[in-house]
Amino acid sequence: MVRIEFLGPINKPAIEMEAATLADVAKALREDAELAPWLENSAVAVNDTLVAGLETPLKSGDKVSLLPPVCGG
């Protein structure tokens, strides 16, 4: 199981799911109409390290964080 955290204004509780790659996570999250718009513009971190590719492998116990764009001063 991997833990998916939604940071900042996404404002959803963390979930856990079975996933072998980030592509599996993205596919599952696209099914949630509230999350789908965030997926296009958010950065993704696995175990607190930013990643760019959906082919990124995941293993049980990994933490995936969705980091939406924010602005501030």
N, C-alpha and C. Protein backbone atom coordinates (compact mmCIF):
# COMPACT_ATOMS: atom_id res chain seq x y z
N MET A 1 0.84 -1.18 0.00
CA MET A 1 0.00 0.00 0.00
C MET A 1 0.88 1.24 0.00
N VAL A 2 0.48 2.24 -0.77
CA VAL A 2 1.15 3.54 -0.75
C VAL A 2 0.16 4.55 -0.19
N ARG A 3 0.71 5.56 0.47
CA ARG A 3 -0.12 6.61 1.06
C ARG A 3 -0.07 7.83 0.14
N ILE A 4 -1.24 8.36 -0.19
CA ILE A 4 -1.34 9.53 -1.04
C ILE A 4 -1.79 10.71 -0.17
N GLU A 5 -0.98 11.77 -0.14
CA GLU A 5 -1.30 12.97 0.63
C GLU A 5 -1.61 14.11 -0.32
N PHE A 6 -2.61 14.90 0.04
CA PHE A 6 -3.05 16.03 -0.76
C PHE A 6 -2.77 17.30 0.02
N LEU A 7 -1.80 18.08 -0.44
CA LEU A 7 -1.34 19.23 0.32
C LEU A 7 -2.04 20.51 -0.12
N GLY A 8 -1.92 21.54 0.72
CA GLY A 8 -2.42 22.87 0.41
C GLY A 8 -3.91 22.92 0.17
N PRO A 9 -4.33 23.67 -0.83
CA PRO A 9 -5.76 23.92 -1.05
C PRO A 9 -6.56 22.73 -1.58
N ILE A 10 -5.91 21.62 -1.87
CA ILE A 10 -6.68 20.46 -2.32
C ILE A 10 -7.63 20.02 -1.22
N ASN A 11 -7.16 20.07 0.03
CA ASN A 11 -8.02 19.88 1.19
C ASN A 11 -8.80 18.57 1.19
N LYS A 12 -8.10 17.47 0.94
CA LYS A 12 -8.71 16.14 1.03
C LYS A 12 -7.88 15.30 1.99
N PRO A 13 -8.52 14.40 2.71
CA PRO A 13 -7.75 13.53 3.60
C PRO A 13 -6.88 12.56 2.81
N ALA A 14 -5.80 12.13 3.41
CA ALA A 14 -4.90 11.15 2.78
C ALA A 14 -5.64 9.84 2.55
N ILE A 15 -5.20 9.12 1.52
CA ILE A 15 -5.78 7.81 1.23
C ILE A 15 -4.64 6.81 1.03
N GLU A 16 -4.97 5.54 1.09
CA GLU A 16 -4.00 4.49 0.81
C GLU A 16 -4.54 3.63 -0.32
N MET A 17 -3.63 3.17 -1.18
CA MET A 17 -4.04 2.33 -2.31
C MET A 17 -2.89 1.44 -2.74
N GLU A 18 -3.21 0.41 -3.47
CA GLU A 18 -2.20 -0.44 -4.10
C GLU A 18 -1.80 0.23 -5.41
N ALA A 19 -0.50 0.38 -5.63
CA ALA A 19 -0.02 0.99 -6.87
C ALA A 19 1.42 0.56 -7.09
N ALA A 20 1.74 0.20 -8.33
CA ALA A 20 3.11 -0.20 -8.68
C ALA A 20 3.91 0.97 -9.24
N THR A 21 3.20 1.96 -9.84
CA THR A 21 3.85 3.14 -10.41
C THR A 21 2.98 4.36 -10.17
N LEU A 22 3.53 5.53 -10.43
CA LEU A 22 2.73 6.75 -10.33
C LEU A 22 1.61 6.76 -11.37
N ALA A 23 1.78 6.07 -12.47
CA ALA A 23 0.72 5.98 -13.47
C ALA A 23 -0.52 5.32 -12.86
N ASP A 24 -0.33 4.32 -12.01
CA ASP A 24 -1.46 3.68 -11.34
C ASP A 24 -2.19 4.67 -10.43
N VAL A 25 -1.41 5.48 -9.72
CA VAL A 25 -1.99 6.48 -8.83
C VAL A 25 -2.76 7.51 -9.65
N ALA A 26 -2.15 8.02 -10.72
CA ALA A 26 -2.80 9.03 -11.56
C ALA A 26 -4.11 8.51 -12.13
N LYS A 27 -4.11 7.26 -12.59
CA LYS A 27 -5.33 6.68 -13.15
C LYS A 27 -6.44 6.65 -12.11
N ALA A 28 -6.13 6.24 -10.91
CA ALA A 28 -7.14 6.18 -9.84
C ALA A 28 -7.63 7.57 -9.46
N LEU A 29 -6.71 8.54 -9.37
CA LEU A 29 -7.11 9.88 -8.94
C LEU A 29 -7.93 10.60 -10.01
N ARG A 30 -7.70 10.30 -11.28
CA ARG A 30 -8.48 10.93 -12.35
C ARG A 30 -9.96 10.57 -12.28
N GLU A 31 -10.28 9.48 -11.61
CA GLU A 31 -11.67 9.07 -11.47
C GLU A 31 -12.44 9.94 -10.47
N ASP A 32 -11.72 10.72 -9.66
CA ASP A 32 -12.35 11.62 -8.68
C ASP A 32 -12.48 12.99 -9.33
N ALA A 33 -13.71 13.41 -9.60
CA ALA A 33 -13.95 14.66 -10.30
C ALA A 33 -13.37 15.87 -9.57
N GLU A 34 -13.29 15.84 -8.25
CA GLU A 34 -12.72 16.95 -7.49
C GLU A 34 -11.21 17.02 -7.64
N LEU A 35 -10.56 15.88 -7.82
CA LEU A 35 -9.10 15.84 -7.91
C LEU A 35 -8.57 16.04 -9.32
N ALA A 36 -9.33 15.64 -10.30
CA ALA A 36 -8.85 15.66 -11.69
C ALA A 36 -8.26 17.00 -12.10
N PRO A 37 -8.88 18.14 -11.79
CA PRO A 37 -8.29 19.42 -12.21
C PRO A 37 -6.92 19.70 -11.56
N TRP A 38 -6.69 19.20 -10.38
CA TRP A 38 -5.42 19.43 -9.68
C TRP A 38 -4.28 18.63 -10.31
N LEU A 39 -4.58 17.52 -10.93
CA LEU A 39 -3.54 16.63 -11.44
C LEU A 39 -2.70 17.27 -12.55
N GLU A 40 -3.31 18.12 -13.33
CA GLU A 40 -2.61 18.75 -14.46
C GLU A 40 -1.51 19.72 -14.00
N ASN A 41 -1.74 20.39 -12.86
CA ASN A 41 -0.85 21.48 -12.47
C ASN A 41 -0.03 21.21 -11.21
N SER A 42 -0.21 20.09 -10.59
CA SER A 42 0.47 19.81 -9.32
C SER A 42 1.81 19.11 -9.54
N ALA A 43 2.75 19.45 -8.69
CA ALA A 43 4.01 18.70 -8.64
C ALA A 43 3.75 17.45 -7.80
N VAL A 44 4.60 16.45 -7.99
CA VAL A 44 4.44 15.19 -7.26
C VAL A 44 5.77 14.84 -6.59
N ALA A 45 5.67 14.43 -5.34
CA ALA A 45 6.85 13.97 -4.61
C ALA A 45 6.62 12.55 -4.13
N VAL A 46 7.65 11.74 -4.21
CA VAL A 46 7.62 10.39 -3.64
C VAL A 46 8.64 10.38 -2.51
N ASN A 47 8.16 10.10 -1.31
CA ASN A 47 9.02 10.12 -0.12
C ASN A 47 9.80 11.42 -0.03
N ASP A 48 9.10 12.53 -0.26
CA ASP A 48 9.62 13.89 -0.12
C ASP A 48 10.66 14.29 -1.17
N THR A 49 10.73 13.56 -2.28
CA THR A 49 11.62 13.91 -3.39
C THR A 49 10.76 14.15 -4.64
N LEU A 50 10.89 15.32 -5.25
CA LEU A 50 10.11 15.63 -6.44
C LEU A 50 10.46 14.67 -7.57
N VAL A 51 9.42 14.22 -8.29
CA VAL A 51 9.61 13.32 -9.43
C VAL A 51 8.82 13.88 -10.61
N ALA A 52 9.20 13.48 -11.81
CA ALA A 52 8.55 14.03 -13.00
C ALA A 52 7.81 12.99 -13.82
N GLY A 53 8.20 11.72 -13.75
CA GLY A 53 7.64 10.73 -14.66
C GLY A 53 6.62 9.81 -14.02
N LEU A 54 5.56 9.53 -14.76
CA LEU A 54 4.54 8.60 -14.27
C LEU A 54 5.06 7.16 -14.21
N GLU A 55 6.21 6.91 -14.83
CA GLU A 55 6.78 5.56 -14.79
C GLU A 55 7.52 5.30 -13.47
N THR A 56 7.58 6.30 -12.60
CA THR A 56 8.28 6.16 -11.32
C THR A 56 7.71 4.97 -10.55
N PRO A 57 8.56 4.00 -10.20
CA PRO A 57 8.07 2.83 -9.47
C PRO A 57 7.77 3.16 -8.01
N LEU A 58 6.80 2.46 -7.46
CA LEU A 58 6.42 2.62 -6.06
C LEU A 58 6.50 1.27 -5.36
N LYS A 59 6.76 1.32 -4.06
CA LYS A 59 6.76 0.10 -3.27
C LYS A 59 5.91 0.33 -2.02
N SER A 60 5.51 -0.74 -1.40
CA SER A 60 4.69 -0.65 -0.20
C SER A 60 5.37 0.24 0.84
N GLY A 61 4.60 1.15 1.40
CA GLY A 61 5.12 2.07 2.41
C GLY A 61 5.53 3.42 1.87
N ASP A 62 5.58 3.57 0.53
CA ASP A 62 5.94 4.86 -0.05
C ASP A 62 4.86 5.90 0.24
N LYS A 63 5.30 7.16 0.30
CA LYS A 63 4.38 8.29 0.47
C LYS A 63 4.43 9.13 -0.80
N VAL A 64 3.28 9.34 -1.41
CA VAL A 64 3.15 10.18 -2.60
C VAL A 64 2.43 11.45 -2.17
N SER A 65 3.03 12.60 -2.46
CA SER A 65 2.42 13.88 -2.09
C SER A 65 2.08 14.66 -3.34
N LEU A 66 0.86 15.16 -3.39
CA LEU A 66 0.42 16.02 -4.48
C LEU A 66 0.58 17.47 -4.00
N LEU A 67 1.41 18.24 -4.70
CA LEU A 67 1.76 19.60 -4.30
C LEU A 67 1.19 20.59 -5.30
N PRO A 68 0.03 21.19 -5.01
CA PRO A 68 -0.56 22.12 -5.96
C PRO A 68 0.23 23.43 -6.01
N PRO A 69 0.12 24.15 -7.12
CA PRO A 69 0.80 25.44 -7.20
C PRO A 69 0.17 26.40 -6.20
N VAL A 70 1.00 27.19 -5.56
CA VAL A 70 0.51 28.20 -4.60
C VAL A 70 1.26 29.49 -4.85
N CYS A 71 0.69 30.56 -4.38
CA CYS A 71 1.39 31.83 -4.46
C CYS A 71 1.27 32.49 -3.10
N GLY A 72 2.14 33.40 -2.87
CA GLY A 72 2.12 34.08 -1.58
C GLY A 72 3.30 35.02 -1.50
N GLY A 73 3.43 35.61 -0.35
CA GLY A 73 4.50 36.57 -0.24
C GLY A 73 5.28 36.38 1.03
